[in-house]
Amino acid sequence: FDAAYTADKKTFTDPKSLLTYFNLMVKLYDKGDKSAKELFNKYDDVAE
């Protein structure tokens, strides 16, 4: 998902995929694989 979003953010518009993308980030954060900073930045990015 991150590669798809980075490659062409403009046409990555599907609501379901945007939510899946963020949910995966949350799972990685909960596992300790992503930092709080990365989590909040990704939230802001997807929310915007």
ModelCIF file with pLDDT and N, C-alpha, C, O atoms, coordinates in Angstrom:
data_MODEL
#
_entry.id   MODEL 
#
_entity.id                         1 
_entity.type                       polymer 
_entity.pdbx_number_of_molecules   1 
#
_entity_poly.entity_id                      1 
_entity_poly.type                           'polypeptide(L)' 
_entity_poly.nstd_linkage                   no 
_entity_poly.nstd_monomer                   no 
_entity_poly.pdbx_seq_one_letter_code       FDAAYTADKKTFTDPKSLLTYFNLMVKLYDKGDKSAKELFNKYDDVAE 
_entity_poly.pdbx_seq_one_letter_code_can   FDAAYTADKKTFTDPKSLLTYFNLMVKLYDKGDKSAKELFNKYDDVAE 
_entity_poly.pdbx_strand_id                 A 
#
loop_
_entity_poly_seq.entity_id 
_entity_poly_seq.num 
_entity_poly_seq.mon_id 
_entity_poly_seq.hetero 
1 1  PHE n 
1 2  ASP n 
1 3  ALA n 
1 4  ALA n 
1 5  TYR n 
1 6  THR n 
1 7  ALA n 
1 8  ASP n 
1 9  LYS n 
1 10 LYS n 
1 11 THR n 
1 12 PHE n 
1 13 THR n 
1 14 ASP n 
1 15 PRO n 
1 16 LYS n 
1 17 SER n 
1 18 LEU n 
1 19 LEU n 
1 20 THR n 
1 21 TYR n 
1 22 PHE n 
1 23 ASN n 
1 24 LEU n 
1 25 MET n 
1 26 VAL n 
1 27 LYS n 
1 28 LEU n 
1 29 TYR n 
1 30 ASP n 
1 31 LYS n 
1 32 GLY n 
1 33 ASP n 
1 34 LYS n 
1 35 SER n 
1 36 ALA n 
1 37 LYS n 
1 38 GLU n 
1 39 LEU n 
1 40 PHE n 
1 41 ASN n 
1 42 LYS n 
1 43 TYR n 
1 44 ASP n 
1 45 ASP n 
1 46 VAL n 
1 47 ALA n 
1 48 GLU n 
#
_struct_asym.id          A 
_struct_asym.entity_id   1 
#
loop_
_ma_qa_metric.id 
_ma_qa_metric.mode 
_ma_qa_metric.name 
_ma_qa_metric.software_group_id 
_ma_qa_metric.type 
1 global pLDDT . pLDDT 
2 local  pLDDT . pLDDT 
#
_ma_qa_metric_global.metric_id      1 
_ma_qa_metric_global.metric_value   96.12 
_ma_qa_metric_global.model_id       1 
_ma_qa_metric_global.ordinal_id     1 
#
loop_
_ma_qa_metric_local.label_asym_id 
_ma_qa_metric_local.label_comp_id 
_ma_qa_metric_local.label_seq_id 
_ma_qa_metric_local.metric_id 
_ma_qa_metric_local.metric_value 
_ma_qa_metric_local.model_id 
_ma_qa_metric_local.ordinal_id 
A PHE 1  2 98.00 1 1  
A ASP 2  2 98.00 1 2  
A ALA 3  2 98.00 1 3  
A ALA 4  2 98.00 1 4  
A TYR 5  2 97.00 1 5  
A THR 6  2 96.00 1 6  
A ALA 7  2 96.00 1 7  
A ASP 8  2 97.00 1 8  
A LYS 9  2 96.00 1 9  
A LYS 10 2 96.00 1 10 
A THR 11 2 97.00 1 11 
A PHE 12 2 97.00 1 12 
A THR 13 2 96.00 1 13 
A ASP 14 2 96.00 1 14 
A PRO 15 2 96.00 1 15 
A LYS 16 2 96.00 1 16 
A SER 17 2 97.00 1 17 
A LEU 18 2 97.00 1 18 
A LEU 19 2 97.00 1 19 
A THR 20 2 98.00 1 20 
A TYR 21 2 98.00 1 21 
A PHE 22 2 97.00 1 22 
A ASN 23 2 97.00 1 23 
A LEU 24 2 98.00 1 24 
A MET 25 2 98.00 1 25 
A VAL 26 2 97.00 1 26 
A LYS 27 2 97.00 1 27 
A LEU 28 2 98.00 1 28 
A TYR 29 2 97.00 1 29 
A ASP 30 2 96.00 1 30 
A LYS 31 2 96.00 1 31 
A GLY 32 2 96.00 1 32 
A ASP 33 2 97.00 1 33 
A LYS 34 2 97.00 1 34 
A SER 35 2 95.00 1 35 
A ALA 36 2 93.00 1 36 
A LYS 37 2 92.00 1 37 
A GLU 38 2 95.00 1 38 
A LEU 39 2 95.00 1 39 
A PHE 40 2 94.00 1 40 
A ASN 41 2 93.00 1 41 
A LYS 42 2 96.00 1 42 
A TYR 43 2 95.00 1 43 
A ASP 44 2 93.00 1 44 
A ASP 45 2 94.00 1 45 
A VAL 46 2 96.00 1 46 
A ALA 47 2 94.00 1 47 
A GLU 48 2 93.00 1 48 
#
loop_
_atom_site.group_PDB 
_atom_site.id 
_atom_site.type_symbol 
_atom_site.label_atom_id 
_atom_site.label_alt_id 
_atom_site.label_comp_id 
_atom_site.label_asym_id 
_atom_site.label_entity_id 
_atom_site.label_seq_id 
_atom_site.pdbx_PDB_ins_code 
_atom_site.Cartn_x 
_atom_site.Cartn_y 
_atom_site.Cartn_z 
_atom_site.occupancy 
_atom_site.B_iso_or_equiv 
_atom_site.pdbx_formal_charge 
_atom_site.auth_seq_id 
_atom_site.auth_comp_id 
_atom_site.auth_asym_id 
_atom_site.auth_atom_id 
_atom_site.pdbx_PDB_model_num 
ATOM 1   N N  . PHE A 1 1  ? 0.825   -1.209 0.000  1.00 98.00 ? 1  PHE A N  1 
ATOM 2   C CA . PHE A 1 1  ? 0.000   0.000  0.000  1.00 98.00 ? 1  PHE A CA 1 
ATOM 3   C C  . PHE A 1 1  ? 0.859   1.260  0.000  1.00 98.00 ? 1  PHE A C  1 
ATOM 4   O O  . PHE A 1 1  ? 0.538   2.234  -0.680 1.00 98.00 ? 1  PHE A O  1 
ATOM 5   N N  . ASP A 1 2  ? 1.938   1.240  0.754  1.00 98.00 ? 2  ASP A N  1 
ATOM 6   C CA . ASP A 1 2  ? 2.803   2.418  0.841  1.00 98.00 ? 2  ASP A CA 1 
ATOM 7   C C  . ASP A 1 2  ? 3.456   2.720  -0.502 1.00 98.00 ? 2  ASP A C  1 
ATOM 8   O O  . ASP A 1 2  ? 3.597   3.882  -0.883 1.00 98.00 ? 2  ASP A O  1 
ATOM 9   N N  . ALA A 1 3  ? 3.856   1.665  -1.219 1.00 98.00 ? 3  ALA A N  1 
ATOM 10  C CA . ALA A 1 3  ? 4.455   1.848  -2.541 1.00 98.00 ? 3  ALA A CA 1 
ATOM 11  C C  . ALA A 1 3  ? 3.422   2.418  -3.516 1.00 98.00 ? 3  ALA A C  1 
ATOM 12  O O  . ALA A 1 3  ? 3.744   3.281  -4.331 1.00 98.00 ? 3  ALA A O  1 
ATOM 13  N N  . ALA A 1 4  ? 2.177   1.930  -3.428 1.00 98.00 ? 4  ALA A N  1 
ATOM 14  C CA . ALA A 1 4  ? 1.112   2.429  -4.309 1.00 98.00 ? 4  ALA A CA 1 
ATOM 15  C C  . ALA A 1 4  ? 0.803   3.890  -4.018 1.00 98.00 ? 4  ALA A C  1 
ATOM 16  O O  . ALA A 1 4  ? 0.627   4.698  -4.930 1.00 98.00 ? 4  ALA A O  1 
ATOM 17  N N  . TYR A 1 5  ? 0.740   4.211  -2.741 1.00 97.00 ? 5  TYR A N  1 
ATOM 18  C CA . TYR A 1 5  ? 0.421   5.582  -2.314 1.00 97.00 ? 5  TYR A CA 1 
ATOM 19  C C  . TYR A 1 5  ? 1.533   6.544  -2.721 1.00 97.00 ? 5  TYR A C  1 
ATOM 20  O O  . TYR A 1 5  ? 1.268   7.657  -3.177 1.00 97.00 ? 5  TYR A O  1 
ATOM 21  N N  . THR A 1 6  ? 2.754   6.115  -2.557 1.00 96.00 ? 6  THR A N  1 
ATOM 22  C CA . THR A 1 6  ? 3.909   6.947  -2.895 1.00 96.00 ? 6  THR A CA 1 
ATOM 23  C C  . THR A 1 6  ? 4.037   7.130  -4.409 1.00 96.00 ? 6  THR A C  1 
ATOM 24  O O  . THR A 1 6  ? 4.397   8.209  -4.880 1.00 96.00 ? 6  THR A O  1 
ATOM 25  N N  . ALA A 1 7  ? 3.740   6.065  -5.169 1.00 96.00 ? 7  ALA A N  1 
ATOM 26  C CA . ALA A 1 7  ? 3.891   6.109  -6.630 1.00 96.00 ? 7  ALA A CA 1 
ATOM 27  C C  . ALA A 1 7  ? 2.906   7.071  -7.276 1.00 96.00 ? 7  ALA A C  1 
ATOM 28  O O  . ALA A 1 7  ? 3.257   7.782  -8.218 1.00 96.00 ? 7  ALA A O  1 
ATOM 29  N N  . ASP A 1 8  ? 1.669   7.098  -6.773 1.00 97.00 ? 8  ASP A N  1 
ATOM 30  C CA . ASP A 1 8  ? 0.650   7.952  -7.407 1.00 97.00 ? 8  ASP A CA 1 
ATOM 31  C C  . ASP A 1 8  ? -0.454  8.273  -6.400 1.00 97.00 ? 8  ASP A C  1 
ATOM 32  O O  . ASP A 1 8  ? -1.551  7.717  -6.445 1.00 97.00 ? 8  ASP A O  1 
ATOM 33  N N  . LYS A 1 9  ? -0.125  9.180  -5.502 1.00 96.00 ? 9  LYS A N  1 
ATOM 34  C CA . LYS A 1 9  ? -1.066  9.569  -4.441 1.00 96.00 ? 9  LYS A CA 1 
ATOM 35  C C  . LYS A 1 9  ? -2.352  10.162 -5.006 1.00 96.00 ? 9  LYS A C  1 
ATOM 36  O O  . LYS A 1 9  ? -3.430  9.981  -4.439 1.00 96.00 ? 9  LYS A O  1 
ATOM 37  N N  . LYS A 1 10 ? -2.231  10.866 -6.119 1.00 96.00 ? 10 LYS A N  1 
ATOM 38  C CA . LYS A 1 10 ? -3.386  11.569 -6.692 1.00 96.00 ? 10 LYS A CA 1 
ATOM 39  C C  . LYS A 1 10 ? -4.524  10.614 -7.033 1.00 96.00 ? 10 LYS A C  1 
ATOM 40  O O  . LYS A 1 10 ? -5.688  10.927 -6.784 1.00 96.00 ? 10 LYS A O  1 
ATOM 41  N N  . THR A 1 11 ? -4.200  9.446  -7.603 1.00 97.00 ? 11 THR A N  1 
ATOM 42  C CA . THR A 1 11 ? -5.266  8.517  -8.012 1.00 97.00 ? 11 THR A CA 1 
ATOM 43  C C  . THR A 1 11 ? -5.495  7.393  -7.011 1.00 97.00 ? 11 THR A C  1 
ATOM 44  O O  . THR A 1 11 ? -6.296  6.493  -7.264 1.00 97.00 ? 11 THR A O  1 
ATOM 45  N N  . PHE A 1 12 ? -4.804  7.434  -5.887 1.00 97.00 ? 12 PHE A N  1 
ATOM 46  C CA . PHE A 1 12 ? -5.049  6.484  -4.797 1.00 97.00 ? 12 PHE A CA 1 
ATOM 47  C C  . PHE A 1 12 ? -6.198  7.083  -3.980 1.00 97.00 ? 12 PHE A C  1 
ATOM 48  O O  . PHE A 1 12 ? -5.972  7.752  -2.971 1.00 97.00 ? 12 PHE A O  1 
ATOM 49  N N  . THR A 1 13 ? -7.421  6.836  -4.424 1.00 96.00 ? 13 THR A N  1 
ATOM 50  C CA . THR A 1 13 ? -8.571  7.543  -3.844 1.00 96.00 ? 13 THR A CA 1 
ATOM 51  C C  . THR A 1 13 ? -9.612  6.629  -3.215 1.00 96.00 ? 13 THR A C  1 
ATOM 52  O O  . THR A 1 13 ? -10.562 7.119  -2.605 1.00 96.00 ? 13 THR A O  1 
ATOM 53  N N  . ASP A 1 14 ? -9.463  5.324  -3.346 1.00 96.00 ? 14 ASP A N  1 
ATOM 54  C CA . ASP A 1 14 ? -10.492 4.425  -2.835 1.00 96.00 ? 14 ASP A CA 1 
ATOM 55  C C  . ASP A 1 14 ? -10.575 4.511  -1.310 1.00 96.00 ? 14 ASP A C  1 
ATOM 56  O O  . ASP A 1 14 ? -9.580  4.261  -0.629 1.00 96.00 ? 14 ASP A O  1 
ATOM 57  N N  . PRO A 1 15 ? -11.744 4.862  -0.760 1.00 96.00 ? 15 PRO A N  1 
ATOM 58  C CA . PRO A 1 15 ? -11.877 5.015  0.700  1.00 96.00 ? 15 PRO A CA 1 
ATOM 59  C C  . PRO A 1 15 ? -11.497 3.752  1.477  1.00 96.00 ? 15 PRO A C  1 
ATOM 60  O O  . PRO A 1 15 ? -10.834 3.821  2.511  1.00 96.00 ? 15 PRO A O  1 
ATOM 61  N N  . LYS A 1 16 ? -11.928 2.603  0.961  1.00 96.00 ? 16 LYS A N  1 
ATOM 62  C CA . LYS A 1 16 ? -11.635 1.332  1.645  1.00 96.00 ? 16 LYS A CA 1 
ATOM 63  C C  . LYS A 1 16 ? -10.132 1.081  1.712  1.00 96.00 ? 16 LYS A C  1 
ATOM 64  O O  . LYS A 1 16 ? -9.614  0.647  2.741  1.00 96.00 ? 16 LYS A O  1 
ATOM 65  N N  . SER A 1 17 ? -9.437  1.356  0.611  1.00 97.00 ? 17 SER A N  1 
ATOM 66  C CA . SER A 1 17 ? -7.987  1.131  0.580  1.00 97.00 ? 17 SER A CA 1 
ATOM 67  C C  . SER A 1 17 ? -7.244  2.115  1.469  1.00 97.00 ? 17 SER A C  1 
ATOM 68  O O  . SER A 1 17 ? -6.246  1.755  2.093  1.00 97.00 ? 17 SER A O  1 
ATOM 69  N N  . LEU A 1 18 ? -7.723  3.359  1.532  1.00 97.00 ? 18 LEU A N  1 
ATOM 70  C CA . LEU A 1 18 ? -7.103  4.346  2.422  1.00 97.00 ? 18 LEU A CA 1 
ATOM 71  C C  . LEU A 1 18 ? -7.215  3.905  3.875  1.00 97.00 ? 18 LEU A C  1 
ATOM 72  O O  . LEU A 1 18 ? -6.271  4.043  4.653  1.00 97.00 ? 18 LEU A O  1 
ATOM 73  N N  . LEU A 1 19 ? -8.386  3.370  4.233  1.00 97.00 ? 19 LEU A N  1 
ATOM 74  C CA . LEU A 1 19 ? -8.583  2.895  5.608  1.00 97.00 ? 19 LEU A CA 1 
ATOM 75  C C  . LEU A 1 19 ? -7.719  1.662  5.890  1.00 97.00 ? 19 LEU A C  1 
ATOM 76  O O  . LEU A 1 19 ? -7.118  1.550  6.958  1.00 97.00 ? 19 LEU A O  1 
ATOM 77  N N  . THR A 1 20 ? -7.661  0.745  4.929  1.00 98.00 ? 20 THR A N  1 
ATOM 78  C CA . THR A 1 20 ? -6.824  -0.449 5.094  1.00 98.00 ? 20 THR A CA 1 
ATOM 79  C C  . THR A 1 20 ? -5.364  -0.049 5.289  1.00 98.00 ? 20 THR A C  1 
ATOM 80  O O  . THR A 1 20 ? -4.668  -0.578 6.156  1.00 98.00 ? 20 THR A O  1 
ATOM 81  N N  . TYR A 1 21 ? -4.923  0.880  4.477  1.00 98.00 ? 21 TYR A N  1 
ATOM 82  C CA . TYR A 1 21 ? -3.547  1.393  4.543  1.00 98.00 ? 21 TYR A CA 1 
ATOM 83  C C  . TYR A 1 21 ? -3.228  1.905  5.948  1.00 98.00 ? 21 TYR A C  1 
ATOM 84  O O  . TYR A 1 21 ? -2.185  1.574  6.511  1.00 98.00 ? 21 TYR A O  1 
ATOM 85  N N  . PHE A 1 22 ? -4.130  2.713  6.511  1.00 97.00 ? 22 PHE A N  1 
ATOM 86  C CA . PHE A 1 22 ? -3.882  3.257  7.848  1.00 97.00 ? 22 PHE A CA 1 
ATOM 87  C C  . PHE A 1 22 ? -4.004  2.171  8.922  1.00 97.00 ? 22 PHE A C  1 
ATOM 88  O O  . PHE A 1 22 ? -3.231  2.157  9.880  1.00 97.00 ? 22 PHE A O  1 
ATOM 89  N N  . ASN A 1 23 ? -4.960  1.272  8.767  1.00 97.00 ? 23 ASN A N  1 
ATOM 90  C CA . ASN A 1 23 ? -5.124  0.192  9.744  1.00 97.00 ? 23 ASN A CA 1 
ATOM 91  C C  . ASN A 1 23 ? -3.864  -0.667 9.842  1.00 97.00 ? 23 ASN A C  1 
ATOM 92  O O  . ASN A 1 23 ? -3.495  -1.120 10.925 1.00 97.00 ? 23 ASN A O  1 
ATOM 93  N N  . LEU A 1 24 ? -3.213  -0.886 8.707  1.00 98.00 ? 24 LEU A N  1 
ATOM 94  C CA . LEU A 1 24 ? -1.969  -1.658 8.695  1.00 98.00 ? 24 LEU A CA 1 
ATOM 95  C C  . LEU A 1 24 ? -0.865  -0.920 9.456  1.00 98.00 ? 24 LEU A C  1 
ATOM 96  O O  . LEU A 1 24 ? -0.076  -1.536 10.172 1.00 98.00 ? 24 LEU A O  1 
ATOM 97  N N  . MET A 1 25 ? -0.819  0.410  9.291  1.00 98.00 ? 25 MET A N  1 
ATOM 98  C CA . MET A 1 25 ? 0.143   1.218  10.045 1.00 98.00 ? 25 MET A CA 1 
ATOM 99  C C  . MET A 1 25 ? -0.100  1.075  11.549 1.00 98.00 ? 25 MET A C  1 
ATOM 100 O O  . MET A 1 25 ? 0.850   0.945  12.322 1.00 98.00 ? 25 MET A O  1 
ATOM 101 N N  . VAL A 1 26 ? -1.372  1.100  11.965 1.00 97.00 ? 26 VAL A N  1 
ATOM 102 C CA . VAL A 1 26 ? -1.715  0.963  13.381 1.00 97.00 ? 26 VAL A CA 1 
ATOM 103 C C  . VAL A 1 26 ? -1.258  -0.398 13.912 1.00 97.00 ? 26 VAL A C  1 
ATOM 104 O O  . VAL A 1 26 ? -0.731  -0.490 15.021 1.00 97.00 ? 26 VAL A O  1 
ATOM 105 N N  . LYS A 1 27 ? -1.460  -1.446 13.123 1.00 97.00 ? 27 LYS A N  1 
ATOM 106 C CA . LYS A 1 27 ? -1.029  -2.786 13.536 1.00 97.00 ? 27 LYS A CA 1 
ATOM 107 C C  . LYS A 1 27 ? 0.486   -2.851 13.715 1.00 97.00 ? 27 LYS A C  1 
ATOM 108 O O  . LYS A 1 27 ? 0.992   -3.461 14.657 1.00 97.00 ? 27 LYS A O  1 
ATOM 109 N N  . LEU A 1 28 ? 1.190   -2.213 12.794 1.00 98.00 ? 28 LEU A N  1 
ATOM 110 C CA . LEU A 1 28 ? 2.656   -2.203 12.890 1.00 98.00 ? 28 LEU A CA 1 
ATOM 111 C C  . LEU A 1 28 ? 3.118   -1.389 14.100 1.00 98.00 ? 28 LEU A C  1 
ATOM 112 O O  . LEU A 1 28 ? 4.103   -1.736 14.751 1.00 98.00 ? 28 LEU A O  1 
ATOM 113 N N  . TYR A 1 29 ? 2.401   -0.312 14.392 1.00 97.00 ? 29 TYR A N  1 
ATOM 114 C CA . TYR A 1 29 ? 2.724   0.503  15.580 1.00 97.00 ? 29 TYR A CA 1 
ATOM 115 C C  . TYR A 1 29 ? 2.487   -0.316 16.855 1.00 97.00 ? 29 TYR A C  1 
ATOM 116 O O  . TYR A 1 29 ? 3.312   -0.315 17.768 1.00 97.00 ? 29 TYR A O  1 
ATOM 117 N N  . ASP A 1 30 ? 1.351   -1.010 16.899 1.00 96.00 ? 30 ASP A N  1 
ATOM 118 C CA . ASP A 1 30 ? 1.034   -1.818 18.080 1.00 96.00 ? 30 ASP A CA 1 
ATOM 119 C C  . ASP A 1 30 ? 2.041   -2.949 18.288 1.00 96.00 ? 30 ASP A C  1 
ATOM 120 O O  . ASP A 1 30 ? 2.278   -3.369 19.420 1.00 96.00 ? 30 ASP A O  1 
ATOM 121 N N  . LYS A 1 31 ? 2.630   -3.440 17.201 1.00 96.00 ? 31 LYS A N  1 
ATOM 122 C CA . LYS A 1 31 ? 3.646   -4.502 17.281 1.00 96.00 ? 31 LYS A CA 1 
ATOM 123 C C  . LYS A 1 31 ? 5.013   -3.939 17.658 1.00 96.00 ? 31 LYS A C  1 
ATOM 124 O O  . LYS A 1 31 ? 5.924   -4.689 18.009 1.00 96.00 ? 31 LYS A O  1 
ATOM 125 N N  . GLY A 1 32 ? 5.152   -2.614 17.582 1.00 96.00 ? 32 GLY A N  1 
ATOM 126 C CA . GLY A 1 32 ? 6.436   -2.000 17.878 1.00 96.00 ? 32 GLY A CA 1 
ATOM 127 C C  . GLY A 1 32 ? 7.320   -1.839 16.651 1.00 96.00 ? 32 GLY A C  1 
ATOM 128 O O  . GLY A 1 32 ? 8.493   -1.483 16.763 1.00 96.00 ? 32 GLY A O  1 
ATOM 129 N N  . ASP A 1 33 ? 6.743   -2.107 15.459 1.00 97.00 ? 33 ASP A N  1 
ATOM 130 C CA . ASP A 1 33 ? 7.513   -1.992 14.219 1.00 97.00 ? 33 ASP A CA 1 
ATOM 131 C C  . ASP A 1 33 ? 7.506   -0.577 13.647 1.00 97.00 ? 33 ASP A C  1 
ATOM 132 O O  . ASP A 1 33 ? 8.321   -0.256 12.781 1.00 97.00 ? 33 ASP A O  1 
ATOM 133 N N  . LYS A 1 34 ? 6.608   0.261  14.116 1.00 97.00 ? 34 LYS A N  1 
ATOM 134 C CA . LYS A 1 34 ? 6.545   1.658  13.681 1.00 97.00 ? 34 LYS A CA 1 
ATOM 135 C C  . LYS A 1 34 ? 6.504   2.558  14.910 1.00 97.00 ? 34 LYS A C  1 
ATOM 136 O O  . LYS A 1 34 ? 5.925   2.195  15.934 1.00 97.00 ? 34 LYS A O  1 
ATOM 137 N N  . SER A 1 35 ? 7.118   3.728  14.804 1.00 95.00 ? 35 SER A N  1 
ATOM 138 C CA . SER A 1 35 ? 7.170   4.666  15.931 1.00 95.00 ? 35 SER A CA 1 
ATOM 139 C C  . SER A 1 35 ? 5.896   5.505  16.000 1.00 95.00 ? 35 SER A C  1 
ATOM 140 O O  . SER A 1 35 ? 5.108   5.557  15.056 1.00 95.00 ? 35 SER A O  1 
ATOM 141 N N  . ALA A 1 36 ? 5.720   6.162  17.154 1.00 93.00 ? 36 ALA A N  1 
ATOM 142 C CA . ALA A 1 36 ? 4.567   7.062  17.320 1.00 93.00 ? 36 ALA A CA 1 
ATOM 143 C C  . ALA A 1 36 ? 4.619   8.186  16.292 1.00 93.00 ? 36 ALA A C  1 
ATOM 144 O O  . ALA A 1 36 ? 3.592   8.603  15.757 1.00 93.00 ? 36 ALA A O  1 
ATOM 145 N N  . LYS A 1 37 ? 5.817   8.662  16.025 1.00 92.00 ? 37 LYS A N  1 
ATOM 146 C CA . LYS A 1 37 ? 5.990   9.735  15.041 1.00 92.00 ? 37 LYS A CA 1 
ATOM 147 C C  . LYS A 1 37 ? 5.512   9.283  13.666 1.00 92.00 ? 37 LYS A C  1 
ATOM 148 O O  . LYS A 1 37 ? 4.829   10.033 12.969 1.00 92.00 ? 37 LYS A O  1 
ATOM 149 N N  . GLU A 1 38 ? 5.868   8.065  13.275 1.00 95.00 ? 38 GLU A N  1 
ATOM 150 C CA . GLU A 1 38 ? 5.436   7.535  11.979 1.00 95.00 ? 38 GLU A CA 1 
ATOM 151 C C  . GLU A 1 38 ? 3.922   7.356  11.950 1.00 95.00 ? 38 GLU A C  1 
ATOM 152 O O  . GLU A 1 38 ? 3.281   7.629  10.935 1.00 95.00 ? 38 GLU A O  1 
ATOM 153 N N  . LEU A 1 39 ? 3.352   6.898  13.058 1.00 95.00 ? 39 LEU A N  1 
ATOM 154 C CA . LEU A 1 39 ? 1.908   6.699  13.140 1.00 95.00 ? 39 LEU A CA 1 
ATOM 155 C C  . LEU A 1 39 ? 1.162   8.018  12.966 1.00 95.00 ? 39 LEU A C  1 
ATOM 156 O O  . LEU A 1 39 ? 0.232   8.107  12.165 1.00 95.00 ? 39 LEU A O  1 
ATOM 157 N N  . PHE A 1 40 ? 1.569   9.038  13.715 1.00 94.00 ? 40 PHE A N  1 
ATOM 158 C CA . PHE A 1 40 ? 0.871   10.326 13.644 1.00 94.00 ? 40 PHE A CA 1 
ATOM 159 C C  . PHE A 1 40 ? 1.051   10.996 12.284 1.00 94.00 ? 40 PHE A C  1 
ATOM 160 O O  . PHE A 1 40 ? 0.124   11.612 11.758 1.00 94.00 ? 40 PHE A O  1 
ATOM 161 N N  . ASN A 1 41 ? 2.249   10.869 11.723 1.00 93.00 ? 41 ASN A N  1 
ATOM 162 C CA . ASN A 1 41 ? 2.488   11.446 10.397 1.00 93.00 ? 41 ASN A CA 1 
ATOM 163 C C  . ASN A 1 41 ? 1.611   10.783 9.336  1.00 93.00 ? 41 ASN A C  1 
ATOM 164 O O  . ASN A 1 41 ? 1.089   11.449 8.441  1.00 93.00 ? 41 ASN A O  1 
ATOM 165 N N  . LYS A 1 42 ? 1.459   9.466  9.449  1.00 96.00 ? 42 LYS A N  1 
ATOM 166 C CA . LYS A 1 42 ? 0.638   8.751  8.468  1.00 96.00 ? 42 LYS A CA 1 
ATOM 167 C C  . LYS A 1 42 ? -0.837  9.104  8.658  1.00 96.00 ? 42 LYS A C  1 
ATOM 168 O O  . LYS A 1 42 ? -1.581  9.222  7.685  1.00 96.00 ? 42 LYS A O  1 
ATOM 169 N N  . TYR A 1 43 ? -1.252  9.269  9.902  1.00 95.00 ? 43 TYR A N  1 
ATOM 170 C CA . TYR A 1 43 ? -2.635  9.705  10.147 1.00 95.00 ? 43 TYR A CA 1 
ATOM 171 C C  . TYR A 1 43 ? -2.886  11.050 9.474  1.00 95.00 ? 43 TYR A C  1 
ATOM 172 O O  . TYR A 1 43 ? -3.869  11.218 8.752  1.00 95.00 ? 43 TYR A O  1 
ATOM 173 N N  . ASP A 1 44 ? -1.998  11.999 9.713  1.00 93.00 ? 44 ASP A N  1 
ATOM 174 C CA . ASP A 1 44 ? -2.164  13.333 9.134  1.00 93.00 ? 44 ASP A CA 1 
ATOM 175 C C  . ASP A 1 44 ? -2.170  13.279 7.606  1.00 93.00 ? 44 ASP A C  1 
ATOM 176 O O  . ASP A 1 44 ? -2.949  13.968 6.947  1.00 93.00 ? 44 ASP A O  1 
ATOM 177 N N  . ASP A 1 45 ? -1.300  12.461 7.071  1.00 94.00 ? 45 ASP A N  1 
ATOM 178 C CA . ASP A 1 45 ? -1.182  12.339 5.616  1.00 94.00 ? 45 ASP A CA 1 
ATOM 179 C C  . ASP A 1 45 ? -2.480  11.802 5.011  1.00 94.00 ? 45 ASP A C  1 
ATOM 180 O O  . ASP A 1 45 ? -3.000  12.363 4.047  1.00 94.00 ? 45 ASP A O  1 
ATOM 181 N N  . VAL A 1 46 ? -2.995  10.719 5.577  1.00 96.00 ? 46 VAL A N  1 
ATOM 182 C CA . VAL A 1 46 ? -4.223  10.107 5.061  1.00 96.00 ? 46 VAL A CA 1 
ATOM 183 C C  . VAL A 1 46 ? -5.429  11.018 5.310  1.00 96.00 ? 46 VAL A C  1 
ATOM 184 O O  . VAL A 1 46 ? -6.300  11.147 4.449  1.00 96.00 ? 46 VAL A O  1 
ATOM 185 N N  . ALA A 1 47 ? -5.480  11.651 6.491  1.00 94.00 ? 47 ALA A N  1 
ATOM 186 C CA . ALA A 1 47 ? -6.587  12.560 6.807  1.00 94.00 ? 47 ALA A CA 1 
ATOM 187 C C  . ALA A 1 47 ? -6.629  13.739 5.831  1.00 94.00 ? 47 ALA A C  1 
ATOM 188 O O  . ALA A 1 47 ? -7.704  14.162 5.407  1.00 94.00 ? 47 ALA A O  1 
ATOM 189 N N  . GLU A 1 48 ? -5.457  14.262 5.480  1.00 93.00 ? 48 GLU A N  1 
ATOM 190 C CA . GLU A 1 48 ? -5.392  15.373 4.528  1.00 93.00 ? 48 GLU A CA 1 
ATOM 191 C C  . GLU A 1 48 ? -5.808  14.920 3.126  1.00 93.00 ? 48 GLU A C  1 
ATOM 192 O O  . GLU A 1 48 ? -5.814  15.724 2.194  1.00 93.00 ? 48 GLU A O  1 
#
